[in-house]
Amino acid sequence: MVVAAAEKIPFSDVPDSAWYAEALRVVSERGIMNGTGEGEFSPDEPFTRAQVADMVYRYLLLLERFADVDAVSGATQKAENIVLTVAGKTLTVEWADNSSVDALRELLRRVGTVTLDMSDYAGFEKGAPLPETLPQNNEPMNTDAGDVILYQGRQFVIYYDRNSYSLTPLGRITGMAKAELQALVGADNVTATLSLALK
């Protein structure tokens, strides 16, 4: 593979046609490997323990920046935010802290974006089945417009009016008035997507 002129290898002793050229360009761009400091990479020389340790450290720093992995302890934080889009509009949601939301996040990690064809029920909610059943954390609720809940472990539901029932809270849509939410979800079916994004 020949690397495009805009993507030249930054080391004078590595030909653009080298089989490892693209990988080297990427790790160099990300600061994982910097060569000898004199514009060379010395591809025929063995790595020292210090160089390997430095590369691993730089890689962990990169993970920490993009995935909330602590470079020292290796502990992974929850770096992904669940993104809810309804009728093409991305909504701000304060997600609950429970095993149902954790399981939803894990589902999205495995399957990617989930598209829901949400239909109306009883003039106060839109709902659609998720690809699989999630754990329930039911509690008596007086729902209102903006509440996002899980019904019977499988139905993803957005409330646009009031109801009282035992349900699993998933989150709450913020920054949107009731009338605005009702106009967004409309009277007919509406398409919603769930996906993950780095916080």
C-alpha atoms as a PDB file:
ATOM      1  CA  MET A   1       0.000   0.000   0.000  1.00  0.00           C
ATOM      2  CA  VAL A   2       1.326   3.450  -0.896  1.00  0.00           C
ATOM      3  CA  VAL A   3       0.428   6.165   1.593  1.00  0.00           C
ATOM      4  CA  ALA A   4      -1.039   9.360   0.153  1.00  0.00           C
ATOM      5  CA  ALA A   5       1.173  12.434   0.138  1.00  0.00           C
ATOM      6  CA  ALA A   6      -0.909  14.076   2.882  1.00  0.00           C
ATOM      7  CA  GLU A   7      -0.356  11.008   5.038  1.00  0.00           C
ATOM      8  CA  LYS A   8       3.397  10.568   4.667  1.00  0.00           C
ATOM      9  CA  ILE A   9       5.259   8.595   7.295  1.00  0.00           C
ATOM     10  CA  PRO A  10       7.047  11.089   9.579  1.00  0.00           C
ATOM     11  CA  PHE A  11      10.251   9.008   9.661  1.00  0.00           C
ATOM     12  CA  SER A  12      12.900   9.358   6.954  1.00  0.00           C
ATOM     13  CA  ASP A  13      14.053   5.736   7.280  1.00  0.00           C
ATOM     14  CA  VAL A  14      10.616   4.152   6.723  1.00  0.00           C
ATOM     15  CA  PRO A  15       9.455   3.857   3.092  1.00  0.00           C
ATOM     16  CA  ASP A  16       5.841   4.763   2.350  1.00  0.00           C
ATOM     17  CA  SER A  17       5.460   1.333   0.779  1.00  0.00           C
ATOM     18  CA  ALA A  18       6.452  -0.598   3.936  1.00  0.00           C
ATOM     19  CA  TRP A  19       3.838  -3.148   4.991  1.00  0.00           C
ATOM     20  CA  TYR A  20       3.589  -1.525   8.441  1.00  0.00           C
ATOM     21  CA  ALA A  21       3.588   2.089   7.162  1.00  0.00           C
ATOM     22  CA  GLU A  22      -0.113   2.809   7.772  1.00  0.00           C
ATOM     23  CA  ALA A  23      -0.044   1.395  11.310  1.00  0.00           C
ATOM     24  CA  LEU A  24       3.110   3.355  12.086  1.00  0.00           C
ATOM     25  CA  ARG A  25       1.557   6.567  10.764  1.00  0.00           C
ATOM     26  CA  VAL A  26      -1.495   6.073  13.019  1.00  0.00           C
ATOM     27  CA  VAL A  27       0.460   5.343  16.218  1.00  0.00           C
ATOM     28  CA  SER A  28       2.784   8.236  15.443  1.00  0.00           C
ATOM     29  CA  GLU A  29      -0.161  10.631  14.904  1.00  0.00           C
ATOM     30  CA  ARG A  30      -1.592   9.591  18.264  1.00  0.00           C
ATOM     31  CA  GLY A  31       1.718  10.084  20.048  1.00  0.00           C
ATOM     32  CA  ILE A  32       2.222   6.425  20.984  1.00  0.00           C
ATOM     33  CA  MET A  33       5.513   6.065  19.063  1.00  0.00           C
ATOM     34  CA  ASN A  34       7.826   9.001  18.401  1.00  0.00           C
ATOM     35  CA  GLY A  35      10.900   7.406  16.862  1.00  0.00           C
ATOM     36  CA  THR A  36      14.437   8.362  17.769  1.00  0.00           C
ATOM     37  CA  GLY A  37      13.819  12.101  17.987  1.00  0.00           C
ATOM     38  CA  GLU A  38      16.035  12.696  14.957  1.00  0.00           C
ATOM     39  CA  GLY A  39      13.324  12.025  12.381  1.00  0.00           C
ATOM     40  CA  GLU A  40      14.106   8.316  12.218  1.00  0.00           C
ATOM     41  CA  PHE A  41      12.327   5.208  13.441  1.00  0.00           C
ATOM     42  CA  SER A  42      15.147   2.617  13.195  1.00  0.00           C
ATOM     43  CA  PRO A  43      12.808  -0.213  12.110  1.00  0.00           C
ATOM     44  CA  ASP A  44      15.598  -2.827  12.130  1.00  0.00           C
ATOM     45  CA  GLU A  45      16.635  -2.149  15.758  1.00  0.00           C
ATOM     46  CA  PRO A  46      15.066  -4.087  18.679  1.00  0.00           C
ATOM     47  CA  PHE A  47      12.954  -2.207  21.214  1.00  0.00           C
ATOM     48  CA  THR A  48      14.359  -1.657  24.684  1.00  0.00           C
ATOM     49  CA  ARG A  49      12.273  -2.327  27.798  1.00  0.00           C
ATOM     50  CA  ALA A  50      12.158   1.432  28.403  1.00  0.00           C
ATOM     51  CA  GLN A  51      10.748   2.064  24.911  1.00  0.00           C
ATOM     52  CA  VAL A  52       8.070  -0.600  25.348  1.00  0.00           C
ATOM     53  CA  ALA A  53       7.125   0.780  28.772  1.00  0.00           C
ATOM     54  CA  ASP A  54       6.901   4.271  27.273  1.00  0.00           C
ATOM     55  CA  MET A  55       4.640   3.045  24.422  1.00  0.00           C
ATOM     56  CA  VAL A  56       2.343   1.224  26.860  1.00  0.00           C
ATOM     57  CA  TYR A  57       2.167   4.314  29.072  1.00  0.00           C
ATOM     58  CA  ARG A  58       1.327   6.578  26.121  1.00  0.00           C
ATOM     59  CA  TYR A  59      -1.317   4.099  24.961  1.00  0.00           C
ATOM     60  CA  LEU A  60      -2.921   4.087  28.430  1.00  0.00           C
ATOM     61  CA  LEU A  61      -2.961   7.870  28.430  1.00  0.00           C
ATOM     62  CA  LEU A  62      -4.721   7.764  25.075  1.00  0.00           C
ATOM     63  CA  LEU A  63      -7.322   5.354  26.489  1.00  0.00           C
ATOM     64  CA  GLU A  64      -7.797   7.608  29.486  1.00  0.00           C
ATOM     65  CA  ARG A  65      -8.474  10.556  27.200  1.00  0.00           C
ATOM     66  CA  PHE A  66     -11.002   8.798  25.008  1.00  0.00           C
ATOM     67  CA  ALA A  67     -12.487   6.036  27.146  1.00  0.00           C
ATOM     68  CA  ASP A  68     -12.147   7.127  30.772  1.00  0.00           C
ATOM     69  CA  VAL A  69      -9.697   4.366  31.646  1.00  0.00           C
ATOM     70  CA  ASP A  70      -7.471   5.331  34.563  1.00  0.00           C
ATOM     71  CA  ALA A  71      -3.883   5.044  33.283  1.00  0.00           C
ATOM     72  CA  VAL A  72      -2.537   3.946  36.660  1.00  0.00           C
ATOM     73  CA  SER A  73      -5.187   1.575  38.032  1.00  0.00           C
ATOM     74  CA  GLY A  74      -6.639   0.442  34.691  1.00  0.00           C
ATOM     75  CA  ALA A  75     -10.164   0.899  36.104  1.00  0.00           C
ATOM     76  CA  THR A  76     -12.763   1.607  33.441  1.00  0.00           C
ATOM     77  CA  GLN A  77     -15.239   4.373  34.162  1.00  0.00           C
ATOM     78  CA  LYS A  78     -18.637   4.777  32.490  1.00  0.00           C
ATOM     79  CA  ALA A  79     -17.491   6.862  29.561  1.00  0.00           C
ATOM     80  CA  GLU A  80     -20.513   6.283  27.358  1.00  0.00           C
ATOM     81  CA  ASN A  81     -23.641   8.334  27.424  1.00  0.00           C
ATOM     82  CA  ILE A  82     -26.889   6.921  26.026  1.00  0.00           C
ATOM     83  CA  VAL A  83     -28.140   9.196  23.260  1.00  0.00           C
ATOM     84  CA  LEU A  84     -31.895   9.310  22.572  1.00  0.00           C
ATOM     85  CA  THR A  85     -33.034  10.765  19.263  1.00  0.00           C
ATOM     86  CA  VAL A  86     -36.748  11.120  18.468  1.00  0.00           C
ATOM     87  CA  ALA A  87     -38.018  12.175  15.040  1.00  0.00           C
ATOM     88  CA  GLY A  88     -34.491  13.315  14.155  1.00  0.00           C
ATOM     89  CA  LYS A  89     -34.069  15.473  17.293  1.00  0.00           C
ATOM     90  CA  THR A  90     -31.465  14.500  19.881  1.00  0.00           C
ATOM     91  CA  LEU A  91     -32.935  14.904  23.352  1.00  0.00           C
ATOM     92  CA  THR A  92     -31.162  15.679  26.612  1.00  0.00           C
ATOM     93  CA  VAL A  93     -31.873  12.867  29.071  1.00  0.00           C
ATOM     94  CA  GLU A  94     -30.843  12.532  32.701  1.00  0.00           C
ATOM     95  CA  TRP A  95     -30.451   8.752  32.891  1.00  0.00           C
ATOM     96  CA  ALA A  96     -31.277   6.881  36.090  1.00  0.00           C
ATOM     97  CA  ASP A  97     -28.568   5.094  38.047  1.00  0.00           C
ATOM     98  CA  ASN A  98     -29.880   1.526  38.132  1.00  0.00           C
ATOM     99  CA  SER A  99     -29.209  -1.930  36.695  1.00  0.00           C
ATOM    100  CA  SER A 100     -31.791  -1.392  33.941  1.00  0.00           C
ATOM    101  CA  VAL A 101     -29.863   1.570  32.506  1.00  0.00           C
ATOM    102  CA  ASP A 102     -26.581  -0.337  32.921  1.00  0.00           C
ATOM    103  CA  ALA A 103     -28.077  -3.253  30.971  1.00  0.00           C
ATOM    104  CA  LEU A 104     -29.380  -0.892  28.270  1.00  0.00           C
ATOM    105  CA  ARG A 105     -25.892   0.603  27.924  1.00  0.00           C
ATOM    106  CA  GLU A 106     -24.397  -2.902  27.667  1.00  0.00           C
ATOM    107  CA  LEU A 107     -26.994  -3.867  25.038  1.00  0.00           C
ATOM    108  CA  LEU A 108     -26.019  -0.822  22.950  1.00  0.00           C
ATOM    109  CA  ARG A 109     -22.320  -1.721  23.296  1.00  0.00           C
ATOM    110  CA  ARG A 110     -23.068  -5.140  21.822  1.00  0.00           C
ATOM    111  CA  VAL A 111     -25.582  -4.341  19.077  1.00  0.00           C
ATOM    112  CA  GLY A 112     -24.857  -0.699  18.245  1.00  0.00           C
ATOM    113  CA  THR A 113     -27.687   1.690  17.451  1.00  0.00           C
ATOM    114  CA  VAL A 114     -31.209   0.459  18.209  1.00  0.00           C
ATOM    115  CA  THR A 115     -34.046   1.859  16.088  1.00  0.00           C
ATOM    116  CA  LEU A 116     -37.517   1.871  17.633  1.00  0.00           C
ATOM    117  CA  ASP A 117     -40.836   2.330  15.813  1.00  0.00           C
ATOM    118  CA  MET A 118     -42.738   3.890  18.704  1.00  0.00           C
ATOM    119  CA  SER A 119     -46.516   3.682  18.718  1.00  0.00           C
ATOM    120  CA  ASP A 120     -49.070   5.461  20.865  1.00  0.00           C
ATOM    121  CA  TYR A 121     -50.794   3.965  23.863  1.00  0.00           C
ATOM    122  CA  ALA A 122     -53.773   5.471  25.718  1.00  0.00           C
ATOM    123  CA  GLY A 123     -53.031   9.057  24.718  1.00  0.00           C
ATOM    124  CA  PHE A 124     -50.155   9.566  27.176  1.00  0.00           C
ATOM    125  CA  GLU A 125     -47.154   7.518  26.008  1.00  0.00           C
ATOM    126  CA  LYS A 126     -45.169   6.203  23.050  1.00  0.00           C
ATOM    127  CA  GLY A 127     -43.563   2.791  23.329  1.00  0.00           C
ATOM    128  CA  ALA A 128     -41.692   0.116  21.404  1.00  0.00           C
ATOM    129  CA  PRO A 129     -40.059  -3.208  22.279  1.00  0.00           C
ATOM    130  CA  LEU A 130     -36.315  -3.384  22.828  1.00  0.00           C
ATOM    131  CA  PRO A 131     -34.324  -6.199  21.147  1.00  0.00           C
ATOM    132  CA  GLU A 132     -34.085  -8.059  24.462  1.00  0.00           C
ATOM    133  CA  THR A 133     -35.461  -8.018  28.001  1.00  0.00           C
ATOM    134  CA  LEU A 134     -33.669  -5.886  30.594  1.00  0.00           C
ATOM    135  CA  PRO A 135     -33.704  -6.243  34.389  1.00  0.00           C
ATOM    136  CA  GLN A 136     -36.583  -4.437  36.079  1.00  0.00           C
ATOM    137  CA  ASN A 137     -36.394  -1.956  38.958  1.00  0.00           C
ATOM    138  CA  ASN A 138     -40.106  -1.326  39.347  1.00  0.00           C
ATOM    139  CA  GLU A 139     -41.406   1.288  41.727  1.00  0.00           C
ATOM    140  CA  PRO A 140     -44.741   3.080  42.090  1.00  0.00           C
ATOM    141  CA  MET A 141     -44.569   6.128  39.830  1.00  0.00           C
ATOM    142  CA  ASN A 142     -46.638   9.162  39.002  1.00  0.00           C
ATOM    143  CA  THR A 143     -45.256   9.784  35.537  1.00  0.00           C
ATOM    144  CA  ASP A 144     -45.381  13.032  33.641  1.00  0.00           C
ATOM    145  CA  ALA A 145     -44.289  14.359  30.259  1.00  0.00           C
ATOM    146  CA  GLY A 146     -40.606  13.599  29.725  1.00  0.00           C
ATOM    147  CA  ASP A 147     -40.348  10.469  31.842  1.00  0.00           C
ATOM    148  CA  VAL A 148     -38.537   7.599  30.104  1.00  0.00           C
ATOM    149  CA  ILE A 149     -39.421   4.206  31.545  1.00  0.00           C
ATOM    150  CA  LEU A 150     -39.084   0.475  31.048  1.00  0.00           C
ATOM    151  CA  TYR A 151     -42.325  -1.514  31.092  1.00  0.00           C
ATOM    152  CA  GLN A 152     -42.251  -5.246  31.845  1.00  0.00           C
ATOM    153  CA  GLY A 153     -38.529  -5.348  31.147  1.00  0.00           C
ATOM    154  CA  ARG A 154     -38.938  -5.023  27.391  1.00  0.00           C
ATOM    155  CA  GLN A 155     -40.919  -1.918  26.389  1.00  0.00           C
ATOM    156  CA  PHE A 156     -39.030   1.356  26.032  1.00  0.00           C
ATOM    157  CA  VAL A 157     -41.579   4.100  26.764  1.00  0.00           C
ATOM    158  CA  ILE A 158     -41.569   7.894  26.565  1.00  0.00           C
ATOM    159  CA  TYR A 159     -44.349   9.634  28.465  1.00  0.00           C
ATOM    160  CA  TYR A 160     -45.835  12.839  27.091  1.00  0.00           C
ATOM    161  CA  ASP A 161     -48.611  13.067  29.714  1.00  0.00           C
ATOM    162  CA  ARG A 162     -49.462  11.715  33.177  1.00  0.00           C
ATOM    163  CA  ASN A 163     -50.009   8.194  34.437  1.00  0.00           C
ATOM    164  CA  SER A 164     -49.680   6.247  37.692  1.00  0.00           C
ATOM    165  CA  TYR A 165     -48.309   2.710  37.710  1.00  0.00           C
ATOM    166  CA  SER A 166     -45.478   0.496  38.943  1.00  0.00           C
ATOM    167  CA  LEU A 167     -42.676   1.020  36.402  1.00  0.00           C
ATOM    168  CA  THR A 168     -38.898   1.024  36.027  1.00  0.00           C
ATOM    169  CA  PRO A 169     -37.511   4.557  35.679  1.00  0.00           C
ATOM    170  CA  LEU A 170     -34.855   4.884  32.976  1.00  0.00           C
ATOM    171  CA  GLY A 171     -34.508   8.653  32.893  1.00  0.00           C
ATOM    172  CA  ARG A 172     -36.087  12.017  32.325  1.00  0.00           C
ATOM    173  CA  ILE A 173     -36.023  14.263  29.231  1.00  0.00           C
ATOM    174  CA  THR A 174     -34.960  17.758  30.271  1.00  0.00           C
ATOM    175  CA  GLY A 175     -35.099  21.167  28.639  1.00  0.00           C
ATOM    176  CA  MET A 176     -38.348  20.480  26.795  1.00  0.00           C
ATOM    177  CA  ALA A 177     -41.830  21.704  27.724  1.00  0.00           C
ATOM    178  CA  LYS A 178     -44.766  19.289  27.691  1.00  0.00           C
ATOM    179  CA  ALA A 179     -46.356  20.919  24.628  1.00  0.00           C
ATOM    180  CA  GLU A 180     -43.031  20.767  22.756  1.00  0.00           C
ATOM    181  CA  LEU A 181     -42.631  17.064  23.567  1.00  0.00           C
ATOM    182  CA  GLN A 182     -46.221  16.332  22.513  1.00  0.00           C
ATOM    183  CA  ALA A 183     -45.638  18.123  19.199  1.00  0.00           C
ATOM    184  CA  LEU A 184     -42.414  16.156  18.659  1.00  0.00           C
ATOM    185  CA  VAL A 185     -43.889  12.703  19.232  1.00  0.00           C
ATOM    186  CA  GLY A 186     -47.104  13.585  17.367  1.00  0.00           C
ATOM    187  CA  ALA A 187     -50.265  11.519  17.048  1.00  0.00           C
ATOM    188  CA  ASP A 188     -48.833   8.825  14.760  1.00  0.00           C
ATOM    189  CA  ASN A 189     -45.910   6.434  15.113  1.00  0.00           C
ATOM    190  CA  VAL A 190     -42.536   8.061  15.573  1.00  0.00           C
ATOM    191  CA  THR A 191     -39.013   6.717  15.012  1.00  0.00           C
ATOM    192  CA  ALA A 192     -36.555   6.856  17.902  1.00  0.00           C
ATOM    193  CA  THR A 193     -32.965   5.690  18.103  1.00  0.00           C
ATOM    194  CA  LEU A 194     -30.789   4.738  21.046  1.00  0.00           C
ATOM    195  CA  SER A 195     -27.019   4.848  20.677  1.00  0.00           C
ATOM    196  CA  LEU A 196     -23.845   5.443  22.678  1.00  0.00           C
ATOM    197  CA  ALA A 197     -21.493   8.407  22.590  1.00  0.00           C
ATOM    198  CA  LEU A 198     -18.458   9.296  24.679  1.00  0.00           C
ATOM    199  CA  LYS A 199     -19.269  11.770  27.416  1.00  0.00           C
END
